[in-house]
């Protein structure tokens, strides 16, 4: 008997965490925090598995909404074995250490939560086992009811460095978790690989399920448009703020900007980066010859950059044209991109260029959907202010388009499909499209705490 239990990311994006029980072996797929929630609400529903075996955690990639709750899980299940790709392990060391001080501020007052320390993160990282793409390995939990072990294989998911789709096989039964998957090439990373076998159950993300794919541009075409719009701002003496995730988007956009400058399509100007994003860029550099990398000759750390965190006065960023890559990508409160965004609103010659997905409840969504001359109230604590800067939105996606989810279903031929990691409209579109195009497939909309029996 195999059962599936969503602990998070069911009908929403955030706190990805899914429990799978295969013949008495308990496997958790991802263990993330919700970026828009605080305290216990930000964590997966660990109470749902308090009386169930928890033997292994398989991590698809190192974004916080997929790995951020791992230290809290380890507090409850100290003997759990954690396995990821080596790149995810290396990045997790940076992102989890970075989260310590943030969490102390966000949830330090929650009596039910014990905030972890840097020393505990060191021990956790040391305990993570790693397996490369295509390397088969075998698992069996303490209460495993069969002499046959469970076989696991990681596939390149094409999302960020080290991201993996996870194939789980037991006897003749096959389960594939897409993780966050991207079939298309980005500036640095190539598209995802898929198992060449029929799958019994497919667990798949639906991030862009409600987004018209015509809005998700070809990466190279969008880079050309980015350069043309950036040149207008630079020629006018303005500076450009690009809110980016420290992991993934920083590296891809930095590489795109540099290549455009080298081809003389983008005016050579100062580039500002720094903080966690710069540290992660060094991990990208170190791994550029061991993963599917489109241009391994390019070293991100050798691109001329100024350290944003060395700037004492943000006004200095407007004295000469520059491009600033600052996190967070969704301009969350108290992050440097949020602080800079408020300064940019006052600058008539400058611009904010968004480059990816903005969740509707975030400040970044408000910025992205504002026009020059509009009034904007960024948070409930802010007074409405006039938007004097230009705001341009670009689509540099690291997720698959919604039609590509159907392509994945067509290739893997699953009997069951479980839809996660998307809002209700995204899940509804993908689910309805699967049922329309693929007769005989059972489609499940994951609900937190609702068990699905898979056979």
Protein backbone atom coordinates (compact mmCIF):
# COMPACT_ATOMS: atom_id res chain seq x y z
CA UNK A 1 0.00 0.00 0.00
CA UNK A 2 1.33 3.43 -1.01
CA UNK A 3 -0.17 6.66 0.35
CA UNK A 4 0.44 10.34 -0.33
CA UNK A 5 -0.21 13.14 2.18
CA UNK A 6 0.30 16.86 1.39
CA UNK A 7 1.75 18.85 4.29
CA UNK A 8 2.06 22.12 2.33
CA UNK A 9 1.94 23.76 -1.14
CA UNK A 10 -1.55 22.35 -1.69
CA UNK A 11 -3.58 24.91 -3.62
CA UNK A 12 -0.87 27.53 -3.13
CA UNK A 13 2.83 28.24 -3.65
CA UNK A 14 4.85 28.00 -0.45
CA UNK A 15 5.93 25.45 2.18
CA UNK A 16 6.32 22.61 -0.32
CA UNK A 17 6.28 19.39 1.69
CA UNK A 18 4.75 16.05 0.77
CA UNK A 19 4.70 12.77 2.70
CA UNK A 20 4.87 9.46 0.88
CA UNK A 21 4.50 6.10 2.62
CA UNK A 22 5.72 3.13 0.61
CA UNK A 23 5.28 -0.21 2.35
CA UNK A 24 6.00 1.30 5.76
CA UNK A 25 8.88 3.55 4.68
CA UNK A 26 8.16 7.24 5.24
CA UNK A 27 9.63 9.63 2.66
CA UNK A 28 9.23 13.41 2.76
CA UNK A 29 9.60 15.26 -0.53
CA UNK A 30 10.86 18.79 0.16
CA UNK A 31 10.49 20.70 3.41
CA UNK A 32 9.91 24.39 2.74
CA UNK A 33 8.64 27.48 4.50
CA UNK A 34 5.89 29.77 3.24
CA UNK A 35 7.44 33.15 2.33
CA UNK A 36 4.23 35.09 2.96
CA UNK A 37 3.35 33.64 6.36
CA UNK A 38 4.88 33.92 9.83
CA UNK A 39 5.35 31.70 12.85
CA UNK A 40 3.81 28.25 12.83
CA UNK A 41 1.70 29.18 9.82
CA UNK A 42 4.85 29.37 7.70
CA UNK A 43 5.73 25.71 8.38
CA UNK A 44 4.36 22.55 6.80
CA UNK A 45 1.75 20.69 8.85
CA UNK A 46 4.23 18.43 10.67
CA UNK A 47 1.59 17.39 13.20
CA UNK A 48 -0.06 15.31 10.47
CA UNK A 49 2.90 12.90 10.52
CA UNK A 50 3.71 12.85 14.24
CA UNK A 51 2.61 9.20 14.54
CA UNK A 52 3.92 8.08 11.14
CA UNK A 53 7.37 6.77 10.19
CA UNK A 54 9.70 9.52 8.93
CA UNK A 55 12.78 7.86 7.49
CA UNK A 56 14.03 10.03 4.63
CA UNK A 57 13.81 13.54 3.20
CA UNK A 58 14.50 14.00 -0.50
CA UNK A 59 15.11 17.64 -1.45
CA UNK A 60 14.36 18.83 -4.99
CA UNK A 61 16.22 22.16 -4.74
CA UNK A 62 17.43 24.84 -2.34
CA UNK A 63 14.83 27.60 -2.63
CA UNK A 64 13.47 28.47 0.81
CA UNK A 65 9.93 27.39 -0.04
CA UNK A 66 11.34 23.90 -0.60
CA UNK A 67 14.07 23.63 2.06
CA UNK A 68 13.55 26.38 4.65
CA UNK A 69 11.68 24.25 7.21
CA UNK A 70 14.25 21.46 7.21
CA UNK A 71 15.87 22.52 10.52
CA UNK A 72 12.46 22.45 12.24
CA UNK A 73 11.76 18.97 10.89
CA UNK A 74 15.13 17.74 12.17
CA UNK A 75 14.25 19.06 15.64
CA UNK A 76 11.23 16.74 15.60
CA UNK A 77 12.88 13.84 13.75
CA UNK A 78 16.63 14.00 14.54
CA UNK A 79 17.45 10.65 12.92
CA UNK A 80 15.91 11.34 9.53
CA UNK A 81 18.24 10.85 6.55
CA UNK A 82 18.37 13.83 4.16
CA UNK A 83 19.43 13.41 0.53
CA UNK A 84 19.88 15.96 -2.26
CA UNK A 85 22.15 16.70 -5.19
CA UNK A 86 25.64 17.98 -4.23
CA UNK A 87 24.81 21.43 -5.64
CA UNK A 88 21.66 21.70 -3.54
CA UNK A 89 23.66 20.70 -0.46
CA UNK A 90 26.25 23.42 -1.15
CA UNK A 91 23.62 26.11 -1.71
CA UNK A 92 21.56 25.00 1.30
CA UNK A 93 24.54 25.69 3.52
CA UNK A 94 24.43 29.34 2.41
CA UNK A 95 20.66 29.84 2.39
CA UNK A 96 19.96 28.14 5.72
CA UNK A 97 22.71 30.09 7.49
CA UNK A 98 21.31 33.27 5.94
CA UNK A 99 17.85 32.43 7.29
CA UNK A 100 18.92 32.18 10.94
CA UNK A 101 18.91 35.91 11.71
CA UNK A 102 15.83 36.49 9.56
CA UNK A 103 13.85 33.85 11.43
CA UNK A 104 14.90 35.19 14.81
CA UNK A 105 13.25 38.45 13.86
CA UNK A 106 10.19 36.90 12.22
CA UNK A 107 9.26 34.13 14.64
CA UNK A 108 11.47 34.63 17.67
CA UNK A 109 8.46 35.37 19.85
CA UNK A 110 6.70 32.11 19.09
CA UNK A 111 7.04 30.02 22.24
CA UNK A 112 6.23 26.83 20.36
CA UNK A 113 9.14 27.28 17.97
CA UNK A 114 12.74 26.71 18.94
CA UNK A 115 14.89 28.85 16.66
CA UNK A 116 17.90 26.95 15.41
CA UNK A 117 21.49 28.19 15.61
CA UNK A 118 24.34 28.45 13.12
CA UNK A 119 25.99 25.51 14.89
CA UNK A 120 22.88 23.40 14.32
CA UNK A 121 22.89 24.35 10.64
CA UNK A 122 26.51 23.19 10.39
CA UNK A 123 25.54 19.80 11.82
CA UNK A 124 22.49 19.55 9.56
CA UNK A 125 24.52 20.29 6.42
CA UNK A 126 27.14 17.71 7.41
CA UNK A 127 24.37 15.13 7.69
CA UNK A 128 22.99 15.71 4.18
CA UNK A 129 23.93 12.91 1.81
CA UNK A 130 24.26 13.76 -1.86
CA UNK A 131 23.67 11.90 -5.10
CA UNK A 132 24.36 13.07 -8.64
CA UNK A 133 21.92 13.13 -11.56
CA UNK A 134 21.26 9.65 -12.90
CA UNK A 135 22.88 7.89 -9.94
CA UNK A 136 20.56 5.16 -8.67
CA UNK A 137 20.40 4.60 -4.91
CA UNK A 138 18.26 2.47 -2.63
CA UNK A 139 16.28 3.19 0.55
CA UNK A 140 14.36 1.16 3.11
CA UNK A 141 12.95 2.50 6.35
CA UNK A 142 12.99 0.93 9.81
CA UNK A 143 9.43 -0.40 9.36
CA UNK A 144 9.76 -1.33 5.68
CA UNK A 145 7.50 -4.31 5.03
CA UNK A 146 9.27 -5.72 2.00
CA UNK A 147 12.64 -7.30 1.29
CA UNK A 148 12.71 -5.20 -1.89
CA UNK A 149 14.17 -1.69 -1.32
CA UNK A 150 12.96 1.55 -2.90
CA UNK A 151 15.04 2.86 -5.82
CA UNK A 152 15.60 6.62 -6.22
CA UNK A 153 17.04 8.56 -9.17
CA UNK A 154 17.50 12.34 -9.51
CA UNK A 155 16.91 14.04 -12.89
CA UNK A 156 18.00 17.56 -13.80
CA UNK A 157 14.90 19.77 -13.38
CA UNK A 158 16.37 22.78 -15.24
CA UNK A 159 15.04 25.25 -12.63
CA UNK A 160 18.15 26.35 -10.72
CA UNK A 161 21.58 24.87 -10.08
CA UNK A 162 21.18 21.42 -8.53
CA UNK A 163 17.40 21.26 -8.94
CA UNK A 164 16.06 17.76 -9.38
CA UNK A 165 13.02 15.82 -10.41
CA UNK A 166 12.80 12.70 -8.27
CA UNK A 167 11.96 9.24 -9.62
CA UNK A 168 10.86 6.74 -6.97
CA UNK A 169 10.51 3.07 -7.92
CA UNK A 170 9.30 0.13 -5.88
CA UNK A 171 8.92 -3.23 -7.61
CA UNK A 172 7.04 -2.27 -10.79
CA UNK A 173 5.46 0.90 -9.30
CA UNK A 174 6.90 4.25 -10.40
CA UNK A 175 6.32 7.72 -8.90
CA UNK A 176 7.85 10.93 -10.28
CA UNK A 177 7.99 14.28 -8.48
CA UNK A 178 8.72 17.13 -10.89
CA UNK A 179 10.00 19.56 -8.26
CA UNK A 180 10.05 23.02 -9.83
CA UNK A 181 10.64 22.10 -13.46
CA UNK A 182 11.72 24.06 -16.52
CA UNK A 183 11.91 22.43 -19.96
CA UNK A 184 13.48 25.51 -21.54
CA UNK A 185 17.07 26.78 -21.65
CA UNK A 186 17.94 29.81 -19.53
CA UNK A 187 21.09 31.89 -19.87
CA UNK A 188 23.20 29.42 -17.88
CA UNK A 189 21.20 26.26 -17.33
CA UNK A 190 19.74 23.95 -19.93
CA UNK A 191 16.23 22.49 -19.83
CA UNK A 192 15.02 19.58 -17.71
CA UNK A 193 15.49 15.89 -18.35
CA UNK A 194 12.69 13.36 -17.79
CA UNK A 195 12.61 9.62 -17.09
CA UNK A 196 12.29 7.50 -20.21
CA UNK A 197 9.69 5.23 -18.65
CA UNK A 198 5.96 5.15 -18.01
CA UNK A 199 5.01 6.57 -14.61
CA UNK A 200 2.21 5.33 -12.37
CA UNK A 201 1.84 8.60 -10.42
CA UNK A 202 3.09 12.05 -11.39
CA UNK A 203 3.35 14.77 -8.72
CA UNK A 204 3.73 18.02 -10.66
CA UNK A 205 3.97 21.74 -9.99
CA UNK A 206 1.53 24.17 -11.68
CA UNK A 207 3.14 27.59 -11.04
CA UNK A 208 2.21 29.12 -14.40
CA UNK A 209 -0.97 27.08 -14.91
CA UNK A 210 -3.17 30.17 -15.06
CA UNK A 211 -0.74 32.30 -17.11
CA UNK A 212 -1.25 32.76 -20.84
CA UNK A 213 1.93 31.34 -22.35
CA UNK A 214 2.17 34.21 -24.84
CA UNK A 215 3.17 36.33 -21.84
CA UNK A 216 6.15 34.03 -21.11
CA UNK A 217 8.68 35.07 -23.72
CA UNK A 218 11.60 33.24 -25.24
CA UNK A 219 14.63 33.93 -23.02
CA UNK A 220 16.87 35.33 -25.79
CA UNK A 221 14.12 37.48 -27.28
CA UNK A 222 13.30 38.89 -23.87
CA UNK A 223 16.97 39.65 -23.24
CA UNK A 224 17.07 41.72 -26.43
CA UNK A 225 14.01 43.69 -25.31
CA UNK A 226 15.54 44.15 -21.86
CA UNK A 227 18.66 45.65 -23.47
CA UNK A 228 16.69 48.08 -25.65
CA UNK A 229 14.65 49.35 -22.69
CA UNK A 230 17.72 49.53 -20.44
CA UNK A 231 19.63 51.58 -23.02
CA UNK A 232 16.86 54.19 -23.01
CA UNK A 233 17.16 54.61 -19.24
CA UNK A 234 20.98 54.63 -19.24
CA UNK A 235 21.13 57.16 -22.09
CA UNK A 236 18.83 59.42 -20.06
CA UNK A 237 21.21 59.20 -17.08
CA UNK A 238 19.02 56.89 -15.01
CA UNK A 239 19.68 53.75 -13.00
CA UNK A 240 17.82 50.45 -13.17
CA UNK A 241 16.71 48.38 -10.17
CA UNK A 242 16.21 44.69 -10.95
CA UNK A 243 14.61 42.78 -8.04
CA UNK A 244 15.92 39.20 -8.16
CA UNK A 245 15.95 36.08 -6.05
CA UNK A 246 19.42 35.59 -4.56
CA UNK A 247 19.33 32.01 -5.82
CA UNK A 248 18.84 31.38 -9.51
CA UNK A 249 17.59 34.66 -10.90
CA UNK A 250 20.62 36.68 -9.72
CA UNK A 251 23.00 34.37 -11.57
CA UNK A 252 20.93 34.04 -14.74
CA UNK A 253 20.21 37.78 -15.09
CA UNK A 254 23.81 38.73 -14.28
CA UNK A 255 25.02 36.39 -17.02
CA UNK A 256 22.45 37.76 -19.48
CA UNK A 257 23.41 41.38 -18.76
CA UNK A 258 27.11 40.64 -19.18
CA UNK A 259 26.60 38.79 -22.45
CA UNK A 260 24.48 41.66 -23.80
CA UNK A 261 27.24 44.10 -22.86
CA UNK A 262 29.89 41.91 -24.51
CA UNK A 263 27.82 41.86 -27.71
CA UNK A 264 27.46 45.66 -27.49
CA UNK A 265 23.70 45.36 -27.34
CA UNK A 266 23.60 46.86 -23.84
CA UNK A 267 25.56 49.98 -22.88
CA UNK A 268 28.48 49.15 -20.60
CA UNK A 269 27.64 50.49 -17.15
CA UNK A 270 28.26 49.65 -13.51
CA UNK A 271 26.58 46.50 -12.18
CA UNK A 272 25.83 46.23 -8.46
CA UNK A 273 25.33 42.87 -6.74
CA UNK A 274 26.19 41.54 -3.30
CA UNK A 275 25.11 39.61 -0.26
CA UNK A 276 23.81 36.07 -0.53
CA UNK A 277 23.44 36.26 -4.31
CA UNK A 278 27.17 36.88 -4.76
CA UNK A 279 28.02 33.91 -2.52
CA UNK A 280 25.70 31.63 -4.49
CA UNK A 281 27.28 32.82 -7.74
CA UNK A 282 30.56 31.29 -6.56
CA UNK A 283 28.78 27.93 -6.13
CA UNK A 284 27.54 28.24 -9.71
CA UNK A 285 31.11 28.93 -10.85
CA UNK A 286 32.49 25.93 -8.99
CA UNK A 287 29.93 23.58 -10.57
CA UNK A 288 29.84 24.95 -14.10
CA UNK A 289 31.69 21.95 -15.59
CA UNK A 290 29.78 19.23 -13.73
CA UNK A 291 26.15 20.16 -14.56
CA UNK A 292 24.33 20.89 -17.81
CA UNK A 293 25.65 24.42 -18.31
CA UNK A 294 25.23 26.32 -21.58
CA UNK A 295 28.45 28.35 -21.23
CA UNK A 296 30.90 26.83 -18.73
CA UNK A 297 33.61 29.28 -19.84
CA UNK A 298 31.72 32.11 -18.12
CA UNK A 299 32.68 32.74 -14.49
CA UNK A 300 30.13 34.93 -12.76
CA UNK A 301 32.61 36.07 -10.12
CA UNK A 302 34.89 37.48 -12.84
CA UNK A 303 32.19 39.77 -14.25
CA UNK A 304 33.04 43.33 -13.07
CA UNK A 305 30.64 44.12 -10.22
CA UNK A 306 30.37 46.61 -7.38
CA UNK A 307 29.21 45.52 -3.94
CA UNK A 308 25.78 46.94 -3.21
CA UNK A 309 26.38 46.54 0.52
CA UNK A 310 29.33 48.94 0.35
CA UNK A 311 27.00 51.78 -0.66
CA UNK A 312 26.51 54.04 2.37
CA UNK A 313 23.86 56.28 0.82
CA UNK A 314 21.33 54.97 -1.69
CA UNK A 315 21.30 58.41 -3.33
CA UNK A 316 24.79 57.60 -4.63
CA UNK A 317 23.21 55.02 -6.94
CA UNK A 318 21.64 57.83 -8.96
CA UNK A 319 24.81 59.89 -9.50
CA UNK A 320 25.74 57.82 -12.55
CA UNK A 321 23.81 55.21 -14.56
CA UNK A 322 23.98 51.71 -13.13
CA UNK A 323 22.13 48.39 -12.98
CA UNK A 324 21.39 47.04 -9.51
CA UNK A 325 20.52 43.38 -8.90
CA UNK A 326 18.95 43.23 -5.44
CA UNK A 327 16.96 40.61 -3.56
CA UNK A 328 14.34 39.68 -2.73
CA UNK A 329 12.76 38.98 -6.08
CA UNK A 330 9.28 39.77 -4.80
CA UNK A 331 10.50 42.88 -2.95
CA UNK A 332 9.39 41.56 0.43
CA UNK A 333 9.33 44.05 3.30
CA UNK A 334 12.67 44.79 5.01
CA UNK A 335 14.69 43.37 2.10
CA UNK A 336 17.10 45.60 0.22
CA UNK A 337 15.06 45.46 -3.02
CA UNK A 338 12.03 46.73 -1.06
CA UNK A 339 14.03 49.56 0.49
CA UNK A 340 15.55 50.50 -2.86
CA UNK A 341 12.18 50.29 -4.58
CA UNK A 342 10.81 53.03 -2.34
CA UNK A 343 13.77 55.22 -3.29
CA UNK A 344 13.32 54.46 -7.00
CA UNK A 345 9.71 55.67 -6.96
CA UNK A 346 11.03 59.22 -6.50
CA UNK A 347 13.39 59.12 -9.50
CA UNK A 348 11.89 60.28 -12.80
CA UNK A 349 14.89 59.21 -14.94
CA UNK A 350 15.30 55.75 -13.42
CA UNK A 351 13.38 52.49 -13.75
CA UNK A 352 12.41 49.28 -12.01
CA UNK A 353 12.66 46.20 -14.24
CA UNK A 354 10.90 43.12 -12.84
CA UNK A 355 12.09 39.82 -14.30
CA UNK A 356 9.91 37.07 -12.86
CA UNK A 357 6.90 35.83 -10.97
CA UNK A 358 5.30 38.11 -8.37
CA UNK A 359 2.88 36.56 -5.89
CA UNK A 360 -0.25 38.72 -5.63
CA UNK A 361 0.11 39.46 -1.91
CA UNK A 362 3.69 40.78 -2.19
CA UNK A 363 4.93 44.38 -2.47
CA UNK A 364 6.63 43.36 -5.71
CA UNK A 365 3.26 42.65 -7.28
CA UNK A 366 2.14 46.20 -6.45
CA UNK A 367 5.32 47.66 -7.93
CA UNK A 368 5.02 45.53 -11.06
CA UNK A 369 1.41 46.54 -11.65
CA UNK A 370 1.94 50.28 -11.25
CA UNK A 371 2.50 52.85 -13.97
CA UNK A 372 4.43 56.08 -14.04
CA UNK A 373 2.20 58.84 -12.69
CA UNK A 374 0.07 56.46 -10.62
CA UNK A 375 -0.28 56.58 -6.85
CA UNK A 376 0.91 53.49 -5.02
CA UNK A 377 0.51 52.35 -1.41
CA UNK A 378 3.11 49.65 -1.01
CA UNK A 379 2.09 48.39 2.44
CA UNK A 380 -0.64 49.25 4.90
CA UNK A 381 1.87 51.29 6.91
CA UNK A 382 2.93 53.44 3.94
CA UNK A 383 1.28 56.58 2.68
CA UNK A 384 0.31 56.59 -1.01
CA UNK A 385 3.13 58.02 -3.11
CA UNK A 386 3.46 58.97 -6.76
CA UNK A 387 5.30 56.64 -9.11
CA UNK A 388 7.85 58.88 -10.84
CA UNK A 389 10.12 56.14 -12.18
CA UNK A 390 9.41 53.89 -15.15
CA UNK A 391 8.33 50.33 -14.42
CA UNK A 392 8.86 47.58 -16.98
CA UNK A 393 7.99 43.91 -16.56
CA UNK A 394 9.98 41.16 -18.27
CA UNK A 395 9.49 37.41 -18.32
CA UNK A 396 12.65 35.45 -17.60
CA UNK A 397 10.98 32.30 -16.38
CA UNK A 398 12.62 29.38 -14.61
CA UNK A 399 9.35 27.39 -14.65
CA UNK A 400 7.65 25.54 -17.49
CA UNK A 401 4.76 27.03 -19.43
CA UNK A 402 1.36 25.50 -18.79
CA UNK A 403 1.25 23.67 -22.14
CA UNK A 404 4.56 22.07 -21.21
CA UNK A 405 2.94 20.47 -18.16
CA UNK A 406 0.68 18.68 -20.66
CA UNK A 407 3.75 17.71 -22.68
CA UNK A 408 5.27 16.15 -19.55
CA UNK A 409 2.06 14.20 -18.95
CA UNK A 410 2.09 13.01 -22.57
CA UNK A 411 5.69 11.78 -22.27
CA UNK A 412 5.37 10.06 -18.89
CA UNK A 413 1.87 8.57 -19.46
CA UNK A 414 0.90 8.49 -15.76
CA UNK A 415 -2.19 6.75 -14.45
CA UNK A 416 -2.53 9.36 -11.69
CA UNK A 417 -1.55 13.04 -11.61
CA UNK A 418 -1.38 15.05 -8.37
CA UNK A 419 -1.33 18.84 -8.84
CA UNK A 420 0.55 21.06 -6.38
CA UNK A 421 2.56 24.31 -6.14
CA UNK A 422 0.03 26.60 -7.80
CA UNK A 423 -3.01 28.70 -6.97
CA UNK A 424 -6.50 27.30 -7.49
CA UNK A 425 -6.92 28.81 -10.97
CA UNK A 426 -3.57 27.37 -12.10
CA UNK A 427 -4.44 23.93 -10.78
CA UNK A 428 -7.92 24.07 -12.31
CA UNK A 429 -6.55 24.91 -15.78
CA UNK A 430 -3.91 22.18 -15.72
CA UNK A 431 -6.33 19.62 -14.29
CA UNK A 432 -9.08 20.37 -16.80
CA UNK A 433 -6.60 20.30 -19.69
CA UNK A 434 -5.21 16.92 -18.63
CA UNK A 435 -8.72 15.44 -18.39
CA UNK A 436 -9.62 16.88 -21.79
CA UNK A 437 -6.51 15.64 -23.60
CA UNK A 438 -5.71 12.40 -21.78
CA UNK A 439 -8.58 10.00 -21.24
CA UNK A 440 -8.28 7.54 -18.37
CA UNK A 441 -5.94 9.59 -16.20
CA UNK A 442 -7.07 10.30 -12.64
CA UNK A 443 -6.32 13.89 -11.59
CA UNK A 444 -6.05 14.88 -7.93
CA UNK A 445 -6.01 18.43 -6.60
CA UNK A 446 -3.82 18.13 -3.50
CA UNK A 447 -5.41 19.30 -0.25
CA UNK A 448 -3.38 19.75 2.92
CA UNK A 449 -4.00 16.83 5.26
CA UNK A 450 -6.09 14.83 2.79
CA UNK A 451 -4.54 11.41 2.14
CA UNK A 452 -4.49 9.90 -1.35
CA UNK A 453 -4.15 6.13 -1.72
CA UNK A 454 -2.04 5.30 -4.75
CA UNK A 455 -2.21 1.51 -4.79
